[in-house]
Amino acid sequence: MSGNNTQKYRFVCTLTFGDIYGQIIVWLITITLSLASALALMGAKRPVYALATAGLVVLLSLPFLLFAFVTTLLNHIEVTPVGPETKMEPIPGNVSQQQPVQATS
C-alpha cells in the first residue's frame, strides 16, 4: 500500500445555539420545578428531605442533559472527503478566521 494514496477529509460542525436552545429550556424548567418542590418540602419537619429532593432531581437530570447535548453535537458534524483538485477555502464565521486580539499599552 502506497503512502501517497491518502484521502483528506473536511470536518465541519454546523451546530448553532438554536439546535440546543430547547434542551436548555427543558433543563431550566426541571431545575425550577426541583427548587419549587424543595421549597414546598422546606416547611416539613425534616428540611433535609427538601435538599435531598432537589439534589436528586438535579443529579438524575444531568446525565440526560449531557446525553442529549452530545448526541445533538455528533449529529451536526459533517465529514466530507476532499479531492486533490478541491481548493480549500475557510468557512465564513469559523473561529479560525477571527483576528487575534492585540494588547495595547
N, C-alpha and C. Protein backbone atom coordinates (compact mmCIF):
# COMPACT_ATOMS: atom_id res chain seq x y z
N MET A 1 0.84 -1.18 0.00
CA MET A 1 0.00 0.00 0.00
C MET A 1 0.89 1.24 0.00
N SER A 2 0.60 2.15 -0.86
CA SER A 2 1.43 3.34 -1.04
C SER A 2 1.06 4.41 -0.03
N GLY A 3 2.05 5.14 0.47
CA GLY A 3 1.82 6.23 1.42
C GLY A 3 1.28 7.48 0.75
N ASN A 4 1.35 7.55 -0.59
CA ASN A 4 0.87 8.73 -1.32
C ASN A 4 -0.63 8.68 -1.57
N ASN A 5 -1.27 7.58 -1.28
CA ASN A 5 -2.69 7.40 -1.56
C ASN A 5 -3.52 7.72 -0.32
N THR A 6 -3.34 8.91 0.22
CA THR A 6 -4.09 9.29 1.41
C THR A 6 -5.27 10.16 1.03
N GLN A 7 -6.37 9.99 1.72
CA GLN A 7 -7.59 10.75 1.47
C GLN A 7 -7.71 11.84 2.53
N LYS A 8 -8.00 13.04 2.09
CA LYS A 8 -8.20 14.15 3.03
C LYS A 8 -9.70 14.33 3.27
N TYR A 9 -10.02 14.71 4.49
CA TYR A 9 -11.41 14.92 4.87
C TYR A 9 -11.56 16.31 5.47
N ARG A 10 -12.75 16.85 5.33
CA ARG A 10 -13.06 18.15 5.92
C ARG A 10 -14.14 17.94 6.98
N PHE A 11 -13.84 18.36 8.20
CA PHE A 11 -14.78 18.26 9.30
C PHE A 11 -15.42 19.63 9.51
N VAL A 12 -16.75 19.66 9.50
CA VAL A 12 -17.48 20.90 9.69
C VAL A 12 -18.54 20.68 10.76
N CYS A 13 -18.58 21.55 11.74
CA CYS A 13 -19.61 21.49 12.78
C CYS A 13 -20.67 22.54 12.45
N THR A 14 -21.90 22.10 12.23
CA THR A 14 -22.98 23.01 11.87
C THR A 14 -23.91 23.31 13.04
N LEU A 15 -23.45 23.03 14.24
CA LEU A 15 -24.28 23.24 15.43
C LEU A 15 -24.46 24.73 15.70
N THR A 16 -25.68 25.14 15.94
CA THR A 16 -25.97 26.53 16.30
C THR A 16 -26.67 26.54 17.65
N PHE A 17 -26.79 27.72 18.21
CA PHE A 17 -27.43 27.83 19.52
C PHE A 17 -28.89 27.39 19.46
N GLY A 18 -29.54 27.61 18.33
CA GLY A 18 -30.93 27.22 18.18
C GLY A 18 -31.14 25.72 18.25
N ASP A 19 -30.10 24.96 17.95
CA ASP A 19 -30.22 23.50 17.99
C ASP A 19 -30.30 22.97 19.42
N ILE A 20 -29.69 23.66 20.36
CA ILE A 20 -29.69 23.19 21.75
C ILE A 20 -30.56 24.07 22.65
N TYR A 21 -31.17 25.08 22.08
CA TYR A 21 -31.97 26.02 22.87
C TYR A 21 -33.10 25.31 23.61
N GLY A 22 -33.80 24.42 22.93
CA GLY A 22 -34.90 23.69 23.56
C GLY A 22 -34.44 22.81 24.71
N GLN A 23 -33.27 22.19 24.55
CA GLN A 23 -32.74 21.34 25.61
C GLN A 23 -32.42 22.17 26.85
N ILE A 24 -31.87 23.35 26.65
CA ILE A 24 -31.54 24.21 27.78
C ILE A 24 -32.81 24.68 28.49
N ILE A 25 -33.84 25.02 27.73
CA ILE A 25 -35.11 25.46 28.33
C ILE A 25 -35.74 24.34 29.15
N VAL A 26 -35.74 23.12 28.62
CA VAL A 26 -36.32 21.99 29.37
C VAL A 26 -35.55 21.75 30.65
N TRP A 27 -34.21 21.85 30.60
CA TRP A 27 -33.44 21.62 31.81
C TRP A 27 -33.65 22.74 32.82
N LEU A 28 -33.80 23.98 32.37
CA LEU A 28 -34.10 25.07 33.29
C LEU A 28 -35.47 24.89 33.95
N ILE A 29 -36.44 24.38 33.21
CA ILE A 29 -37.75 24.09 33.80
C ILE A 29 -37.61 22.98 34.84
N THR A 30 -36.80 21.98 34.55
CA THR A 30 -36.57 20.89 35.52
C THR A 30 -35.95 21.43 36.81
N ILE A 31 -34.96 22.30 36.68
CA ILE A 31 -34.32 22.88 37.86
C ILE A 31 -35.32 23.73 38.64
N THR A 32 -36.14 24.50 37.93
CA THR A 32 -37.13 25.35 38.61
C THR A 32 -38.14 24.50 39.37
N LEU A 33 -38.61 23.42 38.76
CA LEU A 33 -39.55 22.54 39.47
C LEU A 33 -38.89 21.86 40.66
N SER A 34 -37.62 21.52 40.52
CA SER A 34 -36.89 20.92 41.62
C SER A 34 -36.78 21.88 42.81
N LEU A 35 -36.44 23.12 42.50
CA LEU A 35 -36.35 24.11 43.58
C LEU A 35 -37.71 24.41 44.19
N ALA A 36 -38.75 24.40 43.37
CA ALA A 36 -40.11 24.63 43.89
C ALA A 36 -40.52 23.49 44.83
N SER A 37 -40.20 22.26 44.45
CA SER A 37 -40.53 21.14 45.33
C SER A 37 -39.70 21.18 46.61
N ALA A 38 -38.47 21.63 46.51
CA ALA A 38 -37.64 21.75 47.71
C ALA A 38 -38.20 22.81 48.65
N LEU A 39 -38.65 23.92 48.10
CA LEU A 39 -39.25 24.96 48.95
C LEU A 39 -40.56 24.48 49.57
N ALA A 40 -41.33 23.68 48.83
CA ALA A 40 -42.57 23.15 49.37
C ALA A 40 -42.30 22.19 50.52
N LEU A 41 -41.22 21.43 50.43
CA LEU A 41 -40.88 20.49 51.49
C LEU A 41 -40.12 21.15 52.64
N MET A 42 -39.70 22.38 52.46
CA MET A 42 -38.94 23.07 53.50
C MET A 42 -39.77 23.27 54.78
N GLY A 43 -41.06 23.37 54.62
CA GLY A 43 -41.91 23.56 55.79
C GLY A 43 -42.15 22.28 56.56
N ALA A 44 -41.71 21.17 56.04
CA ALA A 44 -41.89 19.89 56.73
C ALA A 44 -41.00 19.83 57.96
N LYS A 45 -41.18 18.77 58.74
CA LYS A 45 -40.41 18.64 59.97
C LYS A 45 -38.94 18.38 59.69
N ARG A 46 -38.63 17.79 58.54
CA ARG A 46 -37.24 17.48 58.22
C ARG A 46 -36.84 18.18 56.91
N PRO A 47 -36.22 19.33 57.00
CA PRO A 47 -35.83 20.04 55.77
C PRO A 47 -34.71 19.34 54.99
N VAL A 48 -34.09 18.33 55.59
CA VAL A 48 -33.07 17.59 54.86
C VAL A 48 -33.69 16.89 53.65
N TYR A 49 -34.95 16.47 53.78
CA TYR A 49 -35.64 15.85 52.65
C TYR A 49 -35.79 16.83 51.49
N ALA A 50 -35.98 18.09 51.80
CA ALA A 50 -36.12 19.09 50.75
C ALA A 50 -34.82 19.22 49.95
N LEU A 51 -33.70 19.30 50.65
CA LEU A 51 -32.41 19.40 49.96
C LEU A 51 -32.09 18.13 49.20
N ALA A 52 -32.43 16.99 49.79
CA ALA A 52 -32.18 15.71 49.12
C ALA A 52 -33.02 15.59 47.85
N THR A 53 -34.25 16.06 47.89
CA THR A 53 -35.11 16.01 46.71
C THR A 53 -34.56 16.87 45.59
N ALA A 54 -34.17 18.09 45.91
CA ALA A 54 -33.61 18.99 44.90
C ALA A 54 -32.32 18.42 44.33
N GLY A 55 -31.46 17.93 45.18
CA GLY A 55 -30.20 17.35 44.72
C GLY A 55 -30.40 16.12 43.87
N LEU A 56 -31.36 15.30 44.23
CA LEU A 56 -31.63 14.08 43.47
C LEU A 56 -32.16 14.40 42.08
N VAL A 57 -33.04 15.38 42.00
CA VAL A 57 -33.58 15.75 40.68
C VAL A 57 -32.48 16.29 39.79
N VAL A 58 -31.63 17.16 40.33
CA VAL A 58 -30.53 17.72 39.54
C VAL A 58 -29.55 16.62 39.14
N LEU A 59 -29.22 15.76 40.09
CA LEU A 59 -28.26 14.69 39.83
C LEU A 59 -28.76 13.71 38.76
N LEU A 60 -30.05 13.39 38.81
CA LEU A 60 -30.60 12.44 37.84
C LEU A 60 -30.86 13.08 36.48
N SER A 61 -31.03 14.40 36.43
CA SER A 61 -31.30 15.04 35.14
C SER A 61 -30.03 15.38 34.37
N LEU A 62 -28.91 15.51 35.06
CA LEU A 62 -27.67 15.86 34.37
C LEU A 62 -27.23 14.83 33.31
N PRO A 63 -27.25 13.52 33.58
CA PRO A 63 -26.86 12.58 32.52
C PRO A 63 -27.74 12.66 31.27
N PHE A 64 -29.04 12.89 31.47
CA PHE A 64 -29.93 13.01 30.31
C PHE A 64 -29.62 14.27 29.51
N LEU A 65 -29.32 15.37 30.20
CA LEU A 65 -28.95 16.60 29.52
C LEU A 65 -27.65 16.41 28.75
N LEU A 66 -26.68 15.77 29.37
CA LEU A 66 -25.39 15.53 28.72
C LEU A 66 -25.56 14.62 27.50
N PHE A 67 -26.35 13.57 27.64
CA PHE A 67 -26.59 12.67 26.51
C PHE A 67 -27.27 13.40 25.36
N ALA A 68 -28.28 14.20 25.67
CA ALA A 68 -28.99 14.93 24.62
C ALA A 68 -28.07 15.92 23.91
N PHE A 69 -27.23 16.62 24.67
CA PHE A 69 -26.34 17.60 24.06
C PHE A 69 -25.28 16.92 23.20
N VAL A 70 -24.68 15.86 23.70
CA VAL A 70 -23.61 15.18 22.95
C VAL A 70 -24.17 14.55 21.67
N THR A 71 -25.34 13.93 21.73
CA THR A 71 -25.90 13.34 20.51
C THR A 71 -26.28 14.42 19.51
N THR A 72 -26.78 15.56 19.99
CA THR A 72 -27.08 16.67 19.09
C THR A 72 -25.80 17.19 18.44
N LEU A 73 -24.74 17.30 19.21
CA LEU A 73 -23.46 17.75 18.67
C LEU A 73 -22.93 16.78 17.62
N LEU A 74 -22.98 15.49 17.92
CA LEU A 74 -22.48 14.50 16.97
C LEU A 74 -23.31 14.44 15.69
N ASN A 75 -24.60 14.74 15.80
CA ASN A 75 -25.45 14.76 14.60
C ASN A 75 -25.18 15.96 13.72
N HIS A 76 -24.49 16.97 14.23
CA HIS A 76 -24.22 18.17 13.45
C HIS A 76 -22.77 18.26 12.99
N ILE A 77 -22.05 17.16 13.02
CA ILE A 77 -20.69 17.14 12.50
C ILE A 77 -20.74 16.48 11.12
N GLU A 78 -20.26 17.23 10.13
CA GLU A 78 -20.25 16.72 8.76
C GLU A 78 -18.83 16.38 8.36
N VAL A 79 -18.65 15.20 7.80
CA VAL A 79 -17.35 14.77 7.30
C VAL A 79 -17.50 14.56 5.80
N THR A 80 -16.75 15.34 5.03
CA THR A 80 -16.81 15.22 3.58
C THR A 80 -15.42 14.97 3.03
N PRO A 81 -15.28 14.03 2.10
CA PRO A 81 -13.97 13.80 1.50
C PRO A 81 -13.60 14.96 0.58
N VAL A 82 -12.33 15.30 0.59
CA VAL A 82 -11.83 16.40 -0.22
C VAL A 82 -10.85 15.82 -1.23
N GLY A 83 -11.09 16.09 -2.49
CA GLY A 83 -10.21 15.60 -3.55
C GLY A 83 -8.99 16.48 -3.68
N PRO A 84 -7.98 16.01 -4.39
CA PRO A 84 -6.75 16.80 -4.54
C PRO A 84 -6.97 18.06 -5.37
N GLU A 85 -8.01 18.08 -6.22
CA GLU A 85 -8.25 19.26 -7.04
C GLU A 85 -9.13 20.30 -6.34
N THR A 86 -9.66 19.95 -5.18
CA THR A 86 -10.53 20.86 -4.44
C THR A 86 -9.71 21.93 -3.75
N LYS A 87 -10.13 23.17 -3.94
CA LYS A 87 -9.44 24.29 -3.30
C LYS A 87 -10.02 24.47 -1.90
N MET A 88 -9.16 24.51 -0.90
CA MET A 88 -9.59 24.65 0.49
C MET A 88 -9.78 26.13 0.80
N GLU A 89 -11.02 26.50 1.10
CA GLU A 89 -11.32 27.87 1.47
C GLU A 89 -11.90 27.86 2.87
N PRO A 90 -11.59 28.89 3.66
CA PRO A 90 -12.15 28.94 5.00
C PRO A 90 -13.66 29.14 4.96
N ILE A 91 -14.33 28.59 5.95
CA ILE A 91 -15.77 28.71 6.07
C ILE A 91 -16.09 30.04 6.74
N PRO A 92 -17.04 30.82 6.20
CA PRO A 92 -17.39 32.09 6.85
C PRO A 92 -17.92 31.86 8.26
N GLY A 93 -17.48 32.67 9.17
CA GLY A 93 -17.92 32.57 10.55
C GLY A 93 -17.17 31.54 11.36
N ASN A 94 -16.15 30.94 10.79
CA ASN A 94 -15.37 29.94 11.51
C ASN A 94 -14.48 30.64 12.54
N VAL A 95 -14.20 29.97 13.62
CA VAL A 95 -13.41 30.55 14.69
C VAL A 95 -12.00 30.88 14.22
N SER A 96 -11.44 30.06 13.33
CA SER A 96 -10.07 30.27 12.90
C SER A 96 -9.89 31.51 12.05
N GLN A 97 -10.99 32.10 11.58
CA GLN A 97 -10.89 33.30 10.77
C GLN A 97 -10.80 34.57 11.60
N GLN A 98 -11.10 34.51 12.85
CA GLN A 98 -11.10 35.71 13.68
C GLN A 98 -9.69 36.25 13.85
N GLN A 99 -9.60 37.55 13.93
CA GLN A 99 -8.32 38.21 14.11
C GLN A 99 -7.89 38.06 15.56
N PRO A 100 -6.60 37.84 15.81
CA PRO A 100 -6.15 37.74 17.19
C PRO A 100 -6.24 39.09 17.89
N VAL A 101 -6.50 39.04 19.17
CA VAL A 101 -6.59 40.24 19.97
C VAL A 101 -5.19 40.72 20.30
N GLN A 102 -4.94 42.00 20.08
CA GLN A 102 -3.62 42.54 20.37
C GLN A 102 -3.70 43.43 21.60
N ALA A 103 -2.74 43.27 22.47
CA ALA A 103 -2.71 44.06 23.70
C ALA A 103 -2.19 45.44 23.40
N THR A 104 -2.76 46.42 24.04
CA THR A 104 -2.27 47.80 23.90
C THR A 104 -1.72 48.26 25.23
N SER A 105 -0.67 49.06 25.14
CA SER A 105 -0.06 49.52 26.41
C SER A 105 -0.34 50.96 26.67
